[in-house]
Amino acid sequence: MSTPLQCLIEKGTEDAPVILLLHGRGSDERDLFPLGRELHPTATVVSVRAPFPGAPWGYGGGWAWYKFMGGTTPDPESFAAGQEALDAFVTDELPEKLGHTPTQLVIGGFSQGGTSSLAHALRNPGTVAGVMVFSGFLADHPSIDVARIGTTPVWWGHGTADSAIGFDLAEAGWKSLTAVDAALATITRPGMGHSIDAEELKSAREWLAGVVTAD
């Protein structure tokens, strides 16, 4: 897609990592923006808006990264287009907005944003310092090869009572990553639905501190 993606940016210290956050379907760049500072005290936080309006697909007035078909299956064409828009943002737009190319970029998101973050890392191996998946899944798409995760660390949290993306889908993703010896850290939140709670955020923050280099 040729239209640049909109984003919010909170600058951090010069040598700190950049955290790129992707919202879930039907939301926008304001949703996860406040979490960035909770994840890291000095990082530059970037929260980006997905490329597709959600209303035509029944997702309300917000935005979406792809059209969801059920299970772990995105619509192939919109998923590829969403990934291409994200790739262009990371490669071209983000360095221009920051005035430099990030040396430590961690990508993560919630629901569709988590799924898209993991997909970006798999489609562009070795380009991010880590991936955070909040209540997402491993997408079933021709461009996704889980073996391409290599040594990139992945953190993944999921609630057992998630009715939007079932916990069994998280377990399936964990199994696939474990099978290729991925550096995977997981947290299971008993009774939690499709959301992010304080314990999950604490787990992600502690993981992130061990992944990025302190400034």
N, C-alpha and C. Protein backbone atom coordinates (compact mmCIF):
# COMPACT_ATOMS: atom_id res chain seq x y z
N MET A 1 0.85 -1.19 0.00
CA MET A 1 0.00 0.00 0.00
C MET A 1 0.88 1.24 0.00
N SER A 2 0.47 2.28 -0.74
CA SER A 2 1.32 3.43 -0.93
C SER A 2 1.08 4.53 0.09
N THR A 3 -0.07 4.54 0.76
CA THR A 3 -0.37 5.59 1.72
C THR A 3 0.42 5.39 3.01
N PRO A 4 1.20 6.40 3.44
CA PRO A 4 1.97 6.25 4.69
C PRO A 4 1.05 6.01 5.88
N LEU A 5 1.52 5.23 6.82
CA LEU A 5 0.73 4.93 8.00
C LEU A 5 0.87 6.05 9.03
N GLN A 6 -0.23 6.38 9.68
CA GLN A 6 -0.22 7.40 10.73
C GLN A 6 0.31 6.79 12.02
N CYS A 7 0.93 7.62 12.85
CA CYS A 7 1.48 7.10 14.11
C CYS A 7 1.58 8.19 15.15
N LEU A 8 1.76 7.76 16.38
CA LEU A 8 2.09 8.63 17.50
C LEU A 8 3.49 8.27 17.97
N ILE A 9 4.27 9.26 18.35
CA ILE A 9 5.65 9.02 18.79
C ILE A 9 5.92 9.77 20.09
N GLU A 10 6.50 9.06 21.05
CA GLU A 10 7.03 9.69 22.26
C GLU A 10 8.52 9.40 22.30
N LYS A 11 9.31 10.43 22.11
CA LYS A 11 10.76 10.25 22.03
C LYS A 11 11.32 9.84 23.40
N GLY A 12 12.30 8.94 23.35
CA GLY A 12 13.02 8.54 24.54
C GLY A 12 14.44 9.07 24.50
N THR A 13 15.30 8.47 25.29
CA THR A 13 16.69 8.90 25.29
C THR A 13 17.40 8.39 24.04
N GLU A 14 18.54 8.99 23.72
CA GLU A 14 19.18 8.79 22.43
C GLU A 14 19.53 7.33 22.14
N ASP A 15 20.06 6.62 23.13
CA ASP A 15 20.55 5.26 22.89
C ASP A 15 19.56 4.18 23.31
N ALA A 16 18.38 4.58 23.74
CA ALA A 16 17.39 3.60 24.19
C ALA A 16 16.73 2.91 23.00
N PRO A 17 16.11 1.77 23.23
CA PRO A 17 15.44 1.05 22.13
C PRO A 17 14.20 1.79 21.64
N VAL A 18 13.71 1.36 20.48
CA VAL A 18 12.45 1.84 19.93
C VAL A 18 11.43 0.72 20.07
N ILE A 19 10.29 1.01 20.67
CA ILE A 19 9.20 0.04 20.80
C ILE A 19 8.10 0.44 19.83
N LEU A 20 7.80 -0.45 18.89
CA LEU A 20 6.76 -0.21 17.88
C LEU A 20 5.53 -1.03 18.26
N LEU A 21 4.42 -0.36 18.51
CA LEU A 21 3.20 -1.02 18.99
C LEU A 21 2.11 -1.00 17.92
N LEU A 22 1.45 -2.15 17.76
CA LEU A 22 0.38 -2.32 16.78
C LEU A 22 -0.92 -2.68 17.49
N HIS A 23 -1.95 -1.90 17.26
CA HIS A 23 -3.24 -2.10 17.92
C HIS A 23 -4.01 -3.27 17.31
N GLY A 24 -5.09 -3.65 17.97
CA GLY A 24 -5.98 -4.69 17.48
C GLY A 24 -7.03 -4.14 16.53
N ARG A 25 -7.83 -5.04 15.96
CA ARG A 25 -8.83 -4.62 14.98
C ARG A 25 -9.89 -3.74 15.62
N GLY A 26 -10.33 -2.76 14.85
CA GLY A 26 -11.37 -1.87 15.33
C GLY A 26 -10.87 -0.78 16.25
N SER A 27 -9.55 -0.67 16.42
CA SER A 27 -8.98 0.35 17.29
C SER A 27 -8.09 1.27 16.47
N ASP A 28 -7.21 2.03 17.13
CA ASP A 28 -6.32 2.92 16.42
C ASP A 28 -5.03 3.11 17.20
N GLU A 29 -4.20 4.02 16.73
CA GLU A 29 -2.86 4.19 17.30
C GLU A 29 -2.87 4.73 18.73
N ARG A 30 -3.98 5.26 19.19
CA ARG A 30 -4.05 5.77 20.56
C ARG A 30 -4.19 4.67 21.61
N ASP A 31 -4.64 3.50 21.18
CA ASP A 31 -5.01 2.43 22.11
C ASP A 31 -3.84 1.96 22.97
N LEU A 32 -2.77 1.52 22.33
CA LEU A 32 -1.64 0.95 23.07
C LEU A 32 -0.57 1.97 23.43
N PHE A 33 -0.70 3.18 22.94
CA PHE A 33 0.35 4.18 23.14
C PHE A 33 0.76 4.35 24.61
N PRO A 34 -0.20 4.40 25.56
CA PRO A 34 0.20 4.56 26.96
C PRO A 34 1.00 3.38 27.52
N LEU A 35 0.88 2.21 26.91
CA LEU A 35 1.60 1.04 27.43
C LEU A 35 3.11 1.13 27.19
N GLY A 36 3.50 1.89 26.18
CA GLY A 36 4.91 1.94 25.82
C GLY A 36 5.80 2.37 26.95
N ARG A 37 5.42 3.44 27.64
CA ARG A 37 6.24 3.92 28.75
C ARG A 37 6.20 2.96 29.92
N GLU A 38 5.12 2.21 30.08
CA GLU A 38 5.06 1.20 31.13
C GLU A 38 5.98 0.02 30.83
N LEU A 39 6.22 -0.23 29.54
CA LEU A 39 7.08 -1.34 29.15
C LEU A 39 8.56 -1.00 29.30
N HIS A 40 8.92 0.26 29.10
CA HIS A 40 10.32 0.67 29.19
C HIS A 40 10.40 2.14 29.55
N PRO A 41 11.21 2.51 30.54
CA PRO A 41 11.20 3.88 31.05
C PRO A 41 11.81 4.92 30.12
N THR A 42 12.73 4.51 29.24
CA THR A 42 13.43 5.50 28.42
C THR A 42 13.34 5.25 26.93
N ALA A 43 12.59 4.25 26.51
CA ALA A 43 12.49 3.91 25.09
C ALA A 43 11.75 5.00 24.31
N THR A 44 11.99 5.04 23.02
CA THR A 44 11.14 5.80 22.12
C THR A 44 9.95 4.92 21.77
N VAL A 45 8.76 5.42 22.00
CA VAL A 45 7.54 4.64 21.80
C VAL A 45 6.84 5.13 20.53
N VAL A 46 6.55 4.19 19.65
CA VAL A 46 5.85 4.50 18.40
C VAL A 46 4.62 3.60 18.32
N SER A 47 3.47 4.20 18.18
CA SER A 47 2.23 3.43 18.03
C SER A 47 1.62 3.79 16.68
N VAL A 48 1.39 2.78 15.86
CA VAL A 48 1.04 3.02 14.46
C VAL A 48 -0.39 2.57 14.15
N ARG A 49 -1.04 3.30 13.26
CA ARG A 49 -2.41 2.98 12.85
C ARG A 49 -2.40 1.97 11.70
N ALA A 50 -3.23 0.95 11.79
CA ALA A 50 -3.35 -0.04 10.72
C ALA A 50 -3.88 0.61 9.44
N PRO A 51 -3.64 -0.01 8.28
CA PRO A 51 -3.96 0.64 7.01
C PRO A 51 -5.41 0.56 6.54
N PHE A 52 -6.19 -0.41 7.08
CA PHE A 52 -7.53 -0.63 6.54
C PHE A 52 -8.61 -0.10 7.48
N PRO A 53 -9.59 0.65 6.97
CA PRO A 53 -10.73 1.01 7.81
C PRO A 53 -11.51 -0.25 8.20
N GLY A 54 -11.88 -0.32 9.47
CA GLY A 54 -12.53 -1.54 9.95
C GLY A 54 -13.99 -1.67 9.61
N ALA A 55 -14.67 -0.56 9.37
CA ALA A 55 -16.12 -0.59 9.17
C ALA A 55 -16.58 -1.51 8.04
N PRO A 56 -15.93 -1.53 6.87
CA PRO A 56 -16.41 -2.41 5.81
C PRO A 56 -16.37 -3.89 6.17
N TRP A 57 -15.54 -4.24 7.13
CA TRP A 57 -15.44 -5.64 7.56
C TRP A 57 -16.19 -5.91 8.86
N GLY A 58 -16.94 -4.91 9.32
CA GLY A 58 -17.72 -5.09 10.54
C GLY A 58 -16.94 -4.90 11.82
N TYR A 59 -15.83 -4.14 11.76
CA TYR A 59 -14.98 -3.96 12.93
C TYR A 59 -15.18 -2.60 13.59
N GLY A 60 -16.25 -1.91 13.29
CA GLY A 60 -16.52 -0.64 13.92
C GLY A 60 -15.78 0.51 13.24
N GLY A 61 -15.62 1.59 13.99
CA GLY A 61 -15.07 2.80 13.41
C GLY A 61 -13.55 2.89 13.40
N GLY A 62 -12.86 1.87 13.89
CA GLY A 62 -11.41 1.90 13.94
C GLY A 62 -10.76 1.34 12.68
N TRP A 63 -9.61 0.70 12.88
CA TRP A 63 -8.77 0.25 11.77
C TRP A 63 -8.35 -1.19 11.95
N ALA A 64 -7.88 -1.81 10.87
CA ALA A 64 -7.52 -3.23 10.92
C ALA A 64 -6.27 -3.48 10.08
N TRP A 65 -5.55 -4.53 10.47
CA TRP A 65 -4.34 -4.93 9.73
C TRP A 65 -4.66 -5.91 8.62
N TYR A 66 -5.80 -6.59 8.73
CA TYR A 66 -6.23 -7.55 7.72
C TYR A 66 -7.67 -7.96 8.02
N LYS A 67 -8.30 -8.62 7.07
CA LYS A 67 -9.63 -9.19 7.28
C LYS A 67 -9.45 -10.58 7.86
N PHE A 68 -10.13 -10.84 8.95
CA PHE A 68 -10.00 -12.12 9.67
C PHE A 68 -11.01 -13.12 9.14
N MET A 69 -10.54 -14.34 8.83
CA MET A 69 -11.40 -15.36 8.25
C MET A 69 -11.82 -16.44 9.25
N GLY A 70 -11.18 -16.44 10.43
CA GLY A 70 -11.50 -17.45 11.44
C GLY A 70 -10.30 -18.32 11.77
N GLY A 71 -10.28 -18.83 12.99
CA GLY A 71 -9.16 -19.68 13.41
C GLY A 71 -7.86 -18.91 13.39
N THR A 72 -6.88 -19.42 12.65
CA THR A 72 -5.61 -18.72 12.49
C THR A 72 -5.44 -18.23 11.05
N THR A 73 -6.56 -18.07 10.35
CA THR A 73 -6.50 -17.75 8.92
C THR A 73 -6.92 -16.31 8.65
N PRO A 74 -6.00 -15.48 8.16
CA PRO A 74 -6.38 -14.16 7.66
C PRO A 74 -6.71 -14.25 6.18
N ASP A 75 -7.48 -13.29 5.70
CA ASP A 75 -7.67 -13.18 4.26
C ASP A 75 -6.30 -12.97 3.62
N PRO A 76 -5.90 -13.82 2.67
CA PRO A 76 -4.52 -13.76 2.16
C PRO A 76 -4.12 -12.42 1.56
N GLU A 77 -5.01 -11.81 0.77
CA GLU A 77 -4.64 -10.58 0.08
C GLU A 77 -4.51 -9.40 1.04
N SER A 78 -5.48 -9.24 1.94
CA SER A 78 -5.40 -8.11 2.87
C SER A 78 -4.27 -8.30 3.87
N PHE A 79 -4.00 -9.55 4.25
CA PHE A 79 -2.88 -9.81 5.17
C PHE A 79 -1.57 -9.42 4.52
N ALA A 80 -1.36 -9.82 3.27
CA ALA A 80 -0.13 -9.47 2.56
C ALA A 80 -0.01 -7.96 2.41
N ALA A 81 -1.11 -7.30 2.08
CA ALA A 81 -1.08 -5.84 1.91
C ALA A 81 -0.78 -5.14 3.23
N GLY A 82 -1.36 -5.64 4.32
CA GLY A 82 -1.09 -5.06 5.63
C GLY A 82 0.36 -5.21 6.02
N GLN A 83 0.94 -6.38 5.72
CA GLN A 83 2.35 -6.60 6.01
C GLN A 83 3.24 -5.71 5.15
N GLU A 84 2.87 -5.52 3.91
CA GLU A 84 3.66 -4.66 3.03
C GLU A 84 3.63 -3.21 3.53
N ALA A 85 2.48 -2.77 4.01
CA ALA A 85 2.38 -1.42 4.57
C ALA A 85 3.24 -1.29 5.82
N LEU A 86 3.24 -2.32 6.65
CA LEU A 86 4.06 -2.30 7.86
C LEU A 86 5.54 -2.33 7.51
N ASP A 87 5.91 -3.16 6.53
CA ASP A 87 7.31 -3.21 6.10
C ASP A 87 7.77 -1.83 5.63
N ALA A 88 6.94 -1.16 4.84
CA ALA A 88 7.30 0.16 4.32
C ALA A 88 7.45 1.17 5.45
N PHE A 89 6.57 1.06 6.45
CA PHE A 89 6.67 1.96 7.60
C PHE A 89 7.98 1.75 8.33
N VAL A 90 8.32 0.51 8.61
CA VAL A 90 9.54 0.20 9.37
C VAL A 90 10.79 0.60 8.58
N THR A 91 10.79 0.31 7.30
CA THR A 91 11.97 0.52 6.47
C THR A 91 12.18 1.97 6.07
N ASP A 92 11.10 2.65 5.70
CA ASP A 92 11.21 3.99 5.14
C ASP A 92 10.67 5.10 6.03
N GLU A 93 9.44 4.94 6.51
CA GLU A 93 8.79 6.03 7.23
C GLU A 93 9.35 6.24 8.64
N LEU A 94 9.59 5.15 9.36
CA LEU A 94 10.05 5.28 10.74
C LEU A 94 11.42 5.96 10.84
N PRO A 95 12.42 5.55 10.06
CA PRO A 95 13.71 6.26 10.14
C PRO A 95 13.58 7.75 9.80
N GLU A 96 12.70 8.07 8.86
CA GLU A 96 12.51 9.48 8.50
C GLU A 96 11.90 10.26 9.65
N LYS A 97 10.93 9.66 10.31
CA LYS A 97 10.26 10.34 11.42
C LYS A 97 11.19 10.50 12.62
N LEU A 98 12.05 9.50 12.86
CA LEU A 98 12.94 9.54 14.01
C LEU A 98 14.23 10.30 13.73
N GLY A 99 14.58 10.42 12.45
CA GLY A 99 15.83 11.05 12.09
C GLY A 99 17.01 10.10 12.12
N HIS A 100 16.73 8.82 12.32
CA HIS A 100 17.78 7.80 12.32
C HIS A 100 17.13 6.43 12.19
N THR A 101 17.94 5.44 11.82
CA THR A 101 17.47 4.06 11.77
C THR A 101 17.65 3.43 13.14
N PRO A 102 16.59 2.90 13.75
CA PRO A 102 16.73 2.32 15.09
C PRO A 102 17.74 1.17 15.11
N THR A 103 18.60 1.16 16.10
CA THR A 103 19.55 0.05 16.26
C THR A 103 18.94 -1.09 17.06
N GLN A 104 17.97 -0.78 17.90
CA GLN A 104 17.23 -1.80 18.66
C GLN A 104 15.74 -1.52 18.50
N LEU A 105 15.10 -2.31 17.66
CA LEU A 105 13.67 -2.15 17.43
C LEU A 105 12.94 -3.38 17.95
N VAL A 106 12.03 -3.15 18.88
CA VAL A 106 11.17 -4.22 19.39
C VAL A 106 9.76 -3.95 18.90
N ILE A 107 9.13 -4.95 18.29
CA ILE A 107 7.79 -4.80 17.76
C ILE A 107 6.82 -5.66 18.55
N GLY A 108 5.64 -5.13 18.80
CA GLY A 108 4.66 -5.91 19.55
C GLY A 108 3.28 -5.33 19.41
N GLY A 109 2.29 -6.11 19.76
CA GLY A 109 0.94 -5.61 19.65
C GLY A 109 -0.08 -6.54 20.27
N PHE A 110 -1.32 -6.08 20.23
CA PHE A 110 -2.45 -6.80 20.82
C PHE A 110 -3.36 -7.35 19.73
N SER A 111 -3.79 -8.61 19.87
CA SER A 111 -4.74 -9.25 18.96
C SER A 111 -4.20 -9.22 17.53
N GLN A 112 -4.88 -8.56 16.59
CA GLN A 112 -4.35 -8.47 15.24
C GLN A 112 -2.95 -7.85 15.23
N GLY A 113 -2.72 -6.92 16.14
CA GLY A 113 -1.40 -6.29 16.23
C GLY A 113 -0.32 -7.25 16.67
N GLY A 114 -0.67 -8.18 17.57
CA GLY A 114 0.29 -9.20 17.99
C GLY A 114 0.58 -10.18 16.87
N THR A 115 -0.48 -10.61 16.19
CA THR A 115 -0.33 -11.51 15.05
C THR A 115 0.52 -10.86 13.96
N SER A 116 0.27 -9.59 13.68
CA SER A 116 1.00 -8.87 12.64
C SER A 116 2.45 -8.63 13.05
N SER A 117 2.70 -8.40 14.33
CA SER A 117 4.07 -8.20 14.81
C SER A 117 4.90 -9.47 14.62
N LEU A 118 4.34 -10.60 15.01
CA LEU A 118 5.05 -11.86 14.83
C LEU A 118 5.27 -12.15 13.35
N ALA A 119 4.27 -11.88 12.54
CA ALA A 119 4.40 -12.10 11.10
C ALA A 119 5.51 -11.23 10.51
N HIS A 120 5.60 -9.99 10.95
CA HIS A 120 6.65 -9.10 10.45
C HIS A 120 8.03 -9.66 10.77
N ALA A 121 8.20 -10.16 11.98
CA ALA A 121 9.50 -10.73 12.37
C ALA A 121 9.83 -11.97 11.54
N LEU A 122 8.83 -12.77 11.24
CA LEU A 122 9.05 -13.99 10.46
C LEU A 122 9.30 -13.68 8.99
N ARG A 123 8.70 -12.63 8.48
CA ARG A 123 8.90 -12.24 7.09
C ARG A 123 10.20 -11.45 6.89
N ASN A 124 10.72 -10.91 7.98
CA ASN A 124 11.94 -10.09 7.92
C ASN A 124 12.92 -10.56 8.99
N PRO A 125 13.43 -11.78 8.86
CA PRO A 125 14.23 -12.36 9.93
C PRO A 125 15.47 -11.54 10.26
N GLY A 126 15.73 -11.42 11.56
CA GLY A 126 16.92 -10.76 12.02
C GLY A 126 16.86 -9.24 12.05
N THR A 127 15.70 -8.66 11.76
CA THR A 127 15.61 -7.20 11.68
C THR A 127 15.08 -6.55 12.95
N VAL A 128 14.49 -7.32 13.85
CA VAL A 128 14.01 -6.76 15.11
C VAL A 128 14.71 -7.43 16.27
N ALA A 129 14.79 -6.69 17.38
CA ALA A 129 15.47 -7.21 18.57
C ALA A 129 14.58 -8.12 19.39
N GLY A 130 13.28 -8.06 19.15
CA GLY A 130 12.34 -8.90 19.89
C GLY A 130 10.93 -8.66 19.44
N VAL A 131 10.04 -9.58 19.82
CA VAL A 131 8.63 -9.53 19.43
C VAL A 131 7.76 -9.77 20.67
N MET A 132 6.73 -8.95 20.84
CA MET A 132 5.77 -9.14 21.92
C MET A 132 4.39 -9.42 21.34
N VAL A 133 3.80 -10.53 21.73
CA VAL A 133 2.47 -10.93 21.24
C VAL A 133 1.50 -10.94 22.41
N PHE A 134 0.60 -9.99 22.44
CA PHE A 134 -0.46 -9.97 23.43
C PHE A 134 -1.73 -10.51 22.77
N SER A 135 -2.13 -11.72 23.13
CA SER A 135 -3.39 -12.30 22.68
C SER A 135 -3.52 -12.37 21.16
N GLY A 136 -2.46 -12.79 20.49
CA GLY A 136 -2.49 -12.97 19.05
C GLY A 136 -2.40 -14.43 18.67
N PHE A 137 -2.07 -14.69 17.40
CA PHE A 137 -1.88 -16.07 16.95
C PHE A 137 -0.82 -16.10 15.85
N LEU A 138 -0.35 -17.28 15.54
CA LEU A 138 0.59 -17.50 14.44
C LEU A 138 -0.23 -17.66 13.17
N ALA A 139 -0.09 -16.70 12.27
CA ALA A 139 -0.95 -16.66 11.08
C ALA A 139 -0.64 -17.79 10.11
N ASP A 140 -1.71 -18.38 9.58
CA ASP A 140 -1.61 -19.37 8.52
C ASP A 140 -1.66 -18.63 7.19
N HIS A 141 -0.47 -18.38 6.63
CA HIS A 141 -0.36 -17.60 5.39
C HIS A 141 0.87 -18.06 4.64
N PRO A 142 0.85 -18.08 3.31
CA PRO A 142 1.99 -18.60 2.54
C PRO A 142 3.31 -17.89 2.82
N SER A 143 3.27 -16.64 3.27
CA SER A 143 4.50 -15.90 3.51
C SER A 143 5.12 -16.18 4.87
N ILE A 144 4.44 -16.98 5.69
CA ILE A 144 4.89 -17.21 7.07
C ILE A 144 5.56 -18.57 7.20
N ASP A 145 6.82 -18.54 7.60
CA ASP A 145 7.59 -19.75 7.88
C ASP A 145 8.16 -19.61 9.28
N VAL A 146 7.64 -20.37 10.22
CA VAL A 146 8.02 -20.20 11.62
C VAL A 146 9.51 -20.45 11.84
N ALA A 147 10.13 -21.25 11.00
CA ALA A 147 11.56 -21.54 11.16
C ALA A 147 12.42 -20.30 10.95
N ARG A 148 11.87 -19.28 10.33
CA ARG A 148 12.63 -18.07 10.07
C ARG A 148 12.79 -17.18 11.29
N ILE A 149 12.21 -17.58 12.42
CA ILE A 149 12.35 -16.78 13.64
C ILE A 149 13.80 -16.74 14.11
N GLY A 150 14.57 -17.79 13.81
CA GLY A 150 15.98 -17.80 14.18
C GLY A 150 16.19 -17.60 15.67
N THR A 151 17.04 -16.65 16.02
CA THR A 151 17.35 -16.38 17.43
C THR A 151 16.58 -15.19 17.98
N THR A 152 15.64 -14.64 17.21
CA THR A 152 14.88 -13.48 17.68
C THR A 152 14.01 -13.86 18.87
N PRO A 153 14.16 -13.19 20.00
CA PRO A 153 13.36 -13.52 21.18
C PRO A 153 11.89 -13.15 20.99
N VAL A 154 11.02 -14.02 21.48
CA VAL A 154 9.57 -13.79 21.40
C VAL A 154 8.97 -13.90 22.78
N TRP A 155 8.19 -12.92 23.17
CA TRP A 155 7.37 -12.98 24.38
C TRP A 155 5.92 -13.08 23.95
N TRP A 156 5.15 -13.95 24.62
CA TRP A 156 3.75 -14.17 24.21
C TRP A 156 2.90 -14.40 25.44
N GLY A 157 1.92 -13.54 25.65
CA GLY A 157 0.98 -13.69 26.74
C GLY A 157 -0.43 -13.90 26.24
N HIS A 158 -1.22 -14.71 26.98
CA HIS A 158 -2.58 -15.03 26.52
C HIS A 158 -3.43 -15.44 27.71
N GLY A 159 -4.71 -15.06 27.68
CA GLY A 159 -5.65 -15.45 28.72
C GLY A 159 -6.37 -16.74 28.39
N THR A 160 -6.64 -17.55 29.42
CA THR A 160 -7.29 -18.84 29.19
C THR A 160 -8.78 -18.70 28.85
N ALA A 161 -9.37 -17.53 29.15
CA ALA A 161 -10.79 -17.31 28.89
C ALA A 161 -11.00 -16.38 27.70
N ASP A 162 -10.03 -16.31 26.82
CA ASP A 162 -10.13 -15.43 25.65
C ASP A 162 -11.15 -16.01 24.67
N SER A 163 -12.24 -15.29 24.45
CA SER A 163 -13.29 -15.76 23.55
C SER A 163 -13.11 -15.25 22.12
N ALA A 164 -12.21 -14.29 21.92
CA ALA A 164 -11.96 -13.75 20.58
C ALA A 164 -10.90 -14.56 19.85
N ILE A 165 -9.79 -14.83 20.53
CA ILE A 165 -8.72 -15.69 20.02
C ILE A 165 -8.45 -16.72 21.10
N GLY A 166 -8.97 -17.91 20.91
CA GLY A 166 -8.95 -18.93 21.94
C GLY A 166 -7.54 -19.27 22.43
N PHE A 167 -7.46 -19.66 23.68
CA PHE A 167 -6.19 -20.02 24.28
C PHE A 167 -5.53 -21.19 23.55
N ASP A 168 -6.34 -22.05 22.95
CA ASP A 168 -5.79 -23.18 22.20
C ASP A 168 -4.97 -22.71 21.00
N LEU A 169 -5.31 -21.54 20.45
CA LEU A 169 -4.54 -21.01 19.33
C LEU A 169 -3.18 -20.50 19.80
N ALA A 170 -3.16 -19.94 21.01
CA ALA A 170 -1.88 -19.55 21.59
C ALA A 170 -1.01 -20.78 21.81
N GLU A 171 -1.60 -21.82 22.38
CA GLU A 171 -0.84 -23.04 22.63
C GLU A 171 -0.29 -23.64 21.34
N ALA A 172 -1.07 -23.57 20.27
CA ALA A 172 -0.61 -24.08 18.98
C ALA A 172 0.57 -23.27 18.48
N GLY A 173 0.51 -21.95 18.63
CA GLY A 173 1.62 -21.10 18.24
C GLY A 173 2.86 -21.36 19.06
N TRP A 174 2.68 -21.53 20.36
CA TRP A 174 3.81 -21.84 21.25
C TRP A 174 4.47 -23.15 20.83
N LYS A 175 3.65 -24.13 20.51
CA LYS A 175 4.17 -25.43 20.10
C LYS A 175 4.99 -25.32 18.82
N SER A 176 4.50 -24.54 17.87
CA SER A 176 5.21 -24.36 16.60
C SER A 176 6.56 -23.67 16.81
N LEU A 177 6.58 -22.65 17.65
CA LEU A 177 7.82 -21.93 17.93
C LEU A 177 8.80 -22.80 18.71
N THR A 178 8.30 -23.55 19.66
CA THR A 178 9.16 -24.44 20.44
C THR A 178 9.78 -25.50 19.56
N ALA A 179 9.04 -25.96 18.56
CA ALA A 179 9.53 -27.01 17.66
C ALA A 179 10.73 -26.56 16.84
N VAL A 180 10.89 -25.25 16.66
CA VAL A 180 12.05 -24.74 15.90
C VAL A 180 13.07 -24.09 16.85
N ASP A 181 12.96 -24.43 18.13
CA ASP A 181 13.91 -23.96 19.15
C ASP A 181 13.95 -22.44 19.26
N ALA A 182 12.81 -21.80 19.12
CA ALA A 182 12.74 -20.35 19.26
C ALA A 182 13.01 -19.94 20.71
N ALA A 183 13.53 -18.74 20.87
CA ALA A 183 13.75 -18.17 22.20
C ALA A 183 12.41 -17.60 22.67
N LEU A 184 11.56 -18.48 23.18
CA LEU A 184 10.17 -18.14 23.48
C LEU A 184 9.94 -18.05 24.99
N ALA A 185 9.34 -16.94 25.42
CA ALA A 185 8.89 -16.78 26.80
C ALA A 185 7.38 -16.59 26.76
N THR A 186 6.65 -17.32 27.60
CA THR A 186 5.19 -17.23 27.59
C THR A 186 4.66 -16.97 28.99
N ILE A 187 3.47 -16.41 29.04
CA ILE A 187 2.74 -16.28 30.30
C ILE A 187 1.28 -16.62 30.04
N THR A 188 0.75 -17.49 30.86
CA THR A 188 -0.66 -17.88 30.81
C THR A 188 -1.40 -17.13 31.91
N ARG A 189 -2.50 -16.47 31.55
CA ARG A 189 -3.28 -15.72 32.53
C ARG A 189 -4.62 -16.43 32.75
N PRO A 190 -4.71 -17.24 33.83
CA PRO A 190 -5.94 -17.98 34.10
C PRO A 190 -7.15 -17.05 34.26
N GLY A 191 -8.21 -17.37 33.51
CA GLY A 191 -9.47 -16.63 33.64
C GLY A 191 -9.51 -15.30 32.92
N MET A 192 -8.41 -14.88 32.31
CA MET A 192 -8.41 -13.59 31.62
C MET A 192 -8.98 -13.73 30.22
N GLY A 193 -9.77 -12.75 29.81
CA GLY A 193 -10.35 -12.75 28.47
C GLY A 193 -9.42 -12.10 27.46
N HIS A 194 -10.02 -11.46 26.48
CA HIS A 194 -9.25 -10.83 25.39
C HIS A 194 -8.82 -9.44 25.84
N SER A 195 -7.76 -9.40 26.63
CA SER A 195 -7.33 -8.14 27.21
C SER A 195 -5.88 -8.25 27.68
N ILE A 196 -5.38 -7.21 28.29
CA ILE A 196 -4.05 -7.16 28.88
C ILE A 196 -4.20 -6.78 30.33
N ASP A 197 -3.64 -7.57 31.25
CA ASP A 197 -3.74 -7.22 32.65
C ASP A 197 -2.37 -6.84 33.22
N ALA A 198 -2.35 -6.45 34.49
CA ALA A 198 -1.13 -5.94 35.12
C ALA A 198 -0.03 -7.00 35.19
N GLU A 199 -0.41 -8.24 35.47
CA GLU A 199 0.60 -9.30 35.56
C GLU A 199 1.24 -9.59 34.20
N GLU A 200 0.44 -9.54 33.17
CA GLU A 200 0.95 -9.75 31.82
C GLU A 200 1.91 -8.62 31.44
N LEU A 201 1.52 -7.41 31.75
CA LEU A 201 2.36 -6.25 31.45
C LEU A 201 3.68 -6.32 32.22
N LYS A 202 3.61 -6.75 33.46
CA LYS A 202 4.82 -6.90 34.28
C LYS A 202 5.75 -7.94 33.66
N SER A 203 5.19 -9.04 33.20
CA SER A 203 5.98 -10.09 32.57
C SER A 203 6.67 -9.57 31.31
N ALA A 204 5.93 -8.82 30.48
CA ALA A 204 6.50 -8.27 29.25
C ALA A 204 7.60 -7.26 29.57
N ARG A 205 7.40 -6.46 30.58
CA ARG A 205 8.40 -5.45 30.97
C ARG A 205 9.70 -6.11 31.43
N GLU A 206 9.57 -7.15 32.23
CA GLU A 206 10.76 -7.86 32.71
C GLU A 206 11.49 -8.56 31.56
N TRP A 207 10.72 -9.15 30.67
CA TRP A 207 11.33 -9.79 29.49
C TRP A 207 12.08 -8.78 28.65
N LEU A 208 11.43 -7.63 28.42
CA LEU A 208 12.03 -6.59 27.58
C LEU A 208 13.35 -6.09 28.17
N ALA A 209 13.40 -5.96 29.49
CA ALA A 209 14.62 -5.49 30.14
C ALA A 209 15.80 -6.44 29.89
N GLY A 210 15.49 -7.72 29.69
CA GLY A 210 16.55 -8.68 29.44
C GLY A 210 16.91 -8.83 27.97
N VAL A 211 16.11 -8.22 27.10
CA VAL A 211 16.32 -8.36 25.66
C VAL A 211 17.09 -7.20 25.07
N VAL A 212 16.78 -5.99 25.52
CA VAL A 212 17.43 -4.80 24.95
C VAL A 212 18.61 -4.38 25.82
N THR A 213 19.52 -3.65 25.20
CA THR A 213 20.67 -3.12 25.89
C THR A 213 20.30 -1.83 26.60
N ALA A 214 20.69 -1.71 27.85
CA ALA A 214 20.39 -0.49 28.59
C ALA A 214 21.12 0.68 27.98
N ASP A 215 20.45 1.85 28.03
CA ASP A 215 21.09 3.06 27.48
C ASP A 215 22.01 3.69 28.51
